[in-house]
Structure formats: structure tokens, C-alpha cells
Amino acid sequence: MATHHPIMTKEDLIAFLDREFPQIHVGGQTYFLDEIGPLSARMRMDYHERHLRPGGTISGPSMMALADLALYAAILAHIGPVALAVTTSLNFNFLRKPEARALIANCRLLKLGKRLAVGEVSIFSEGSPDVVCHATGTYSIPSA
């Protein structure tokens, strides 16, 4: 049953992600769960050359992965370790070029129902107040 307060600790959620999705750390860990809170999560993606696109900026697919992972973490923190909660839609607006530093993803869940969860993610270059990417997403939650 969904709750408006996390039911998983940050440590339990990190352990779940490391166990169920070790592939996100191939080549070295760059994604980090910084915080979970009521209907929210914050993740960081360290700056690394594997996230760059031609021209030296952080690639759209890297920002997409960060946003999707932040949504997944926020949802799981509130419903528990449900590995088969899946993305059903994602929409991205790339607003400005990210700086050559870590990216911070602030996720806020807008709806947390029994079957669907909807959230938004704002991505910033670390230390900057300017949003570089805004994403919205919906996840399907399997029945218990």
C-alpha cells in the first residue's frame, strides 16, 4: 500500500538497487542516492567522460537515465522493494547546457496510487540554481 512517507530507508534502497541493478555501476559507480523524503528523492550523477556527447556536454541519454532512476528510487522508497514497477512514459525538456560537473536530480511524486505513480524531476548542474532538464514520468505499479 502506498504511503506519503518513505517506508524504505536510504540504506535499504541503496542495497536493493545495488543488488537488483548492478549494471548501473558498470565502469564504476556514478549514480548516488543522496536523500529520500516524503514523496521525494534526490540523486546525483558524478561527472564522467562516459556521460559526454560530442561537443563535450553531458548527453541527453545520461540525463534521461538519471531522471528515470530518481523517479524509480522515489517510488520504491514509498511502496517498498517492487522490482517490477516499470516506466510507462517519460517526457523530457532539455532547457540549457549542463556544466562540466555533477548533476543533481530532485524528484517529486505528484501522484502515488495503487497502480500508477506520476512524478517530476528537475536536474541541475551541482552548485547552480538553473534547471538544465525537466522530466515528467509515469510508472506502472504491479498489483500486490
Protein backbone atom coordinates (compact mmCIF):
# COMPACT_ATOMS: atom_id res chain seq x y z
CA MET A 1 0.00 0.00 0.00
CA ALA A 2 1.31 3.44 -0.95
CA THR A 3 2.16 5.95 1.75
CA HIS A 4 3.19 9.60 1.67
CA HIS A 5 6.22 8.86 3.84
CA PRO A 6 9.10 6.58 2.85
CA ILE A 7 8.85 3.03 4.11
CA MET A 8 12.37 2.09 2.98
CA THR A 9 15.46 3.65 4.49
CA LYS A 10 18.03 5.24 2.21
CA GLU A 11 20.43 2.41 3.06
CA ASP A 12 17.87 -0.32 2.27
CA LEU A 13 17.02 1.32 -1.04
CA ILE A 14 20.69 1.63 -2.00
CA ALA A 15 21.23 -2.05 -1.14
CA PHE A 16 18.19 -3.02 -3.25
CA LEU A 17 19.39 -1.00 -6.26
CA ASP A 18 22.93 -2.41 -5.95
CA ARG A 19 21.57 -5.97 -5.75
CA GLU A 20 18.85 -5.76 -8.43
CA PHE A 21 20.53 -3.33 -10.86
CA PRO A 22 24.30 -3.82 -10.62
CA GLN A 23 24.57 -2.85 -14.30
CA ILE A 24 24.15 0.85 -13.38
CA HIS A 25 27.63 0.65 -11.85
CA VAL A 26 29.44 -0.93 -14.81
CA GLY A 27 32.63 1.03 -15.34
CA GLY A 28 32.46 2.46 -11.82
CA GLN A 29 29.68 3.98 -9.77
CA THR A 30 28.50 7.42 -10.90
CA TYR A 31 24.86 7.39 -9.65
CA PHE A 32 24.28 8.06 -5.96
CA LEU A 33 21.10 8.30 -3.90
CA ASP A 34 21.59 11.38 -1.73
CA GLU A 35 18.25 11.64 0.04
CA ILE A 36 14.70 10.33 0.27
CA GLY A 37 11.84 12.19 1.88
CA PRO A 38 8.06 12.45 1.83
CA LEU A 39 7.11 11.90 -1.84
CA SER A 40 10.63 12.86 -2.91
CA ALA A 41 14.16 11.72 -3.68
CA ARG A 42 17.42 13.39 -4.66
CA MET A 43 20.06 11.65 -6.75
CA ARG A 44 23.47 12.70 -8.01
CA MET A 45 25.29 11.65 -11.15
CA ASP A 46 29.01 12.30 -10.92
CA TYR A 47 30.65 13.95 -13.90
CA HIS A 48 32.45 11.35 -16.01
CA GLU A 49 33.60 11.22 -19.62
CA ARG A 50 31.31 8.26 -20.35
CA HIS A 51 28.35 10.63 -19.92
CA LEU A 52 29.59 13.09 -22.55
CA ARG A 53 28.36 13.56 -26.08
CA PRO A 54 30.26 15.12 -28.99
CA GLY A 55 30.95 18.74 -28.12
CA GLY A 56 31.85 17.84 -24.54
CA THR A 57 28.46 18.31 -22.89
CA ILE A 58 26.60 15.76 -20.79
CA SER A 59 24.41 13.68 -23.08
CA GLY A 60 20.64 13.57 -23.11
CA PRO A 61 20.59 9.81 -22.52
CA SER A 62 22.69 10.28 -19.36
CA MET A 63 20.24 12.87 -18.04
CA MET A 64 17.35 10.58 -19.02
CA ALA A 65 18.87 7.71 -17.04
CA LEU A 66 19.38 9.97 -14.01
CA ALA A 67 15.76 11.20 -14.11
CA ASP A 68 14.35 7.70 -14.57
CA LEU A 69 16.47 6.35 -11.73
CA ALA A 70 15.42 9.22 -9.42
CA LEU A 71 11.75 8.50 -10.17
CA TYR A 72 12.25 4.79 -9.56
CA ALA A 73 14.02 5.46 -6.26
CA ALA A 74 11.34 7.86 -5.03
CA ILE A 75 8.58 5.40 -5.88
CA LEU A 76 10.29 2.37 -4.34
CA ALA A 77 11.09 4.31 -1.18
CA HIS A 78 7.32 4.65 -0.71
CA ILE A 79 5.96 1.30 -1.94
CA GLY A 80 8.81 -0.99 -0.95
CA PRO A 81 11.22 -3.14 -3.00
CA VAL A 82 8.99 -3.86 -6.01
CA ALA A 83 11.48 -4.64 -8.77
CA LEU A 84 8.76 -4.91 -11.42
CA ALA A 85 7.45 -1.36 -11.08
CA VAL A 86 8.08 -0.14 -14.63
CA THR A 87 8.26 3.10 -16.54
CA THR A 88 5.24 3.63 -18.79
CA SER A 89 6.07 7.14 -20.01
CA LEU A 90 8.80 9.76 -19.76
CA ASN A 91 8.87 13.28 -21.18
CA PHE A 92 11.98 15.47 -21.22
CA ASN A 93 12.60 19.15 -21.76
CA PHE A 94 16.28 19.99 -22.17
CA LEU A 95 16.48 23.62 -21.10
CA ARG A 96 20.16 24.56 -21.13
CA LYS A 97 23.60 23.04 -21.49
CA PRO A 98 24.72 21.37 -18.25
CA GLU A 99 28.05 22.46 -16.84
CA ALA A 100 31.03 20.11 -16.64
CA ARG A 101 30.26 18.89 -13.13
CA ALA A 102 27.98 16.50 -11.28
CA LEU A 103 24.24 16.68 -11.94
CA ILE A 104 21.64 16.76 -9.17
CA ALA A 105 18.15 15.34 -9.77
CA ASN A 106 15.36 16.47 -7.46
CA CYS A 107 12.32 14.23 -7.81
CA ARG A 108 8.85 14.97 -6.51
CA LEU A 109 5.99 12.49 -6.74
CA LEU A 110 2.78 14.16 -7.86
CA LYS A 111 0.55 11.09 -7.56
CA LEU A 112 1.21 7.85 -5.77
CA GLY A 113 -1.67 5.48 -6.34
CA LYS A 114 -2.15 1.73 -6.12
CA ARG A 115 -1.47 1.16 -9.85
CA LEU A 116 0.22 4.34 -11.11
CA ALA A 117 2.78 6.81 -9.85
CA VAL A 118 3.44 10.15 -11.54
CA GLY A 119 6.39 12.37 -10.78
CA GLU A 120 8.57 15.19 -12.00
CA VAL A 121 12.33 15.59 -11.92
CA SER A 122 14.34 18.80 -12.12
CA ILE A 123 18.02 18.34 -12.97
CA PHE A 124 20.64 20.95 -12.07
CA SER A 125 24.39 21.24 -12.52
CA GLU A 126 25.79 20.91 -8.99
CA GLY A 127 26.06 24.34 -7.38
CA SER A 128 23.85 26.08 -9.95
CA PRO A 129 20.22 27.17 -9.40
CA ASP A 130 19.34 26.80 -13.10
CA VAL A 131 17.36 23.76 -14.24
CA VAL A 132 19.12 22.07 -17.17
CA CYS A 133 16.48 19.38 -17.74
CA HIS A 134 12.89 18.90 -16.58
CA ALA A 135 11.27 15.49 -16.84
CA THR A 136 7.90 14.01 -16.05
CA GLY A 137 7.23 10.33 -15.82
CA THR A 138 4.65 7.69 -15.04
CA TYR A 139 5.31 4.26 -13.57
CA SER A 140 3.03 1.26 -13.50
CA ILE A 141 2.95 -0.46 -10.11
CA PRO A 142 2.16 -4.19 -10.21
CA SER A 143 -0.72 -5.43 -8.10
CA ALA A 144 0.28 -6.96 -4.79
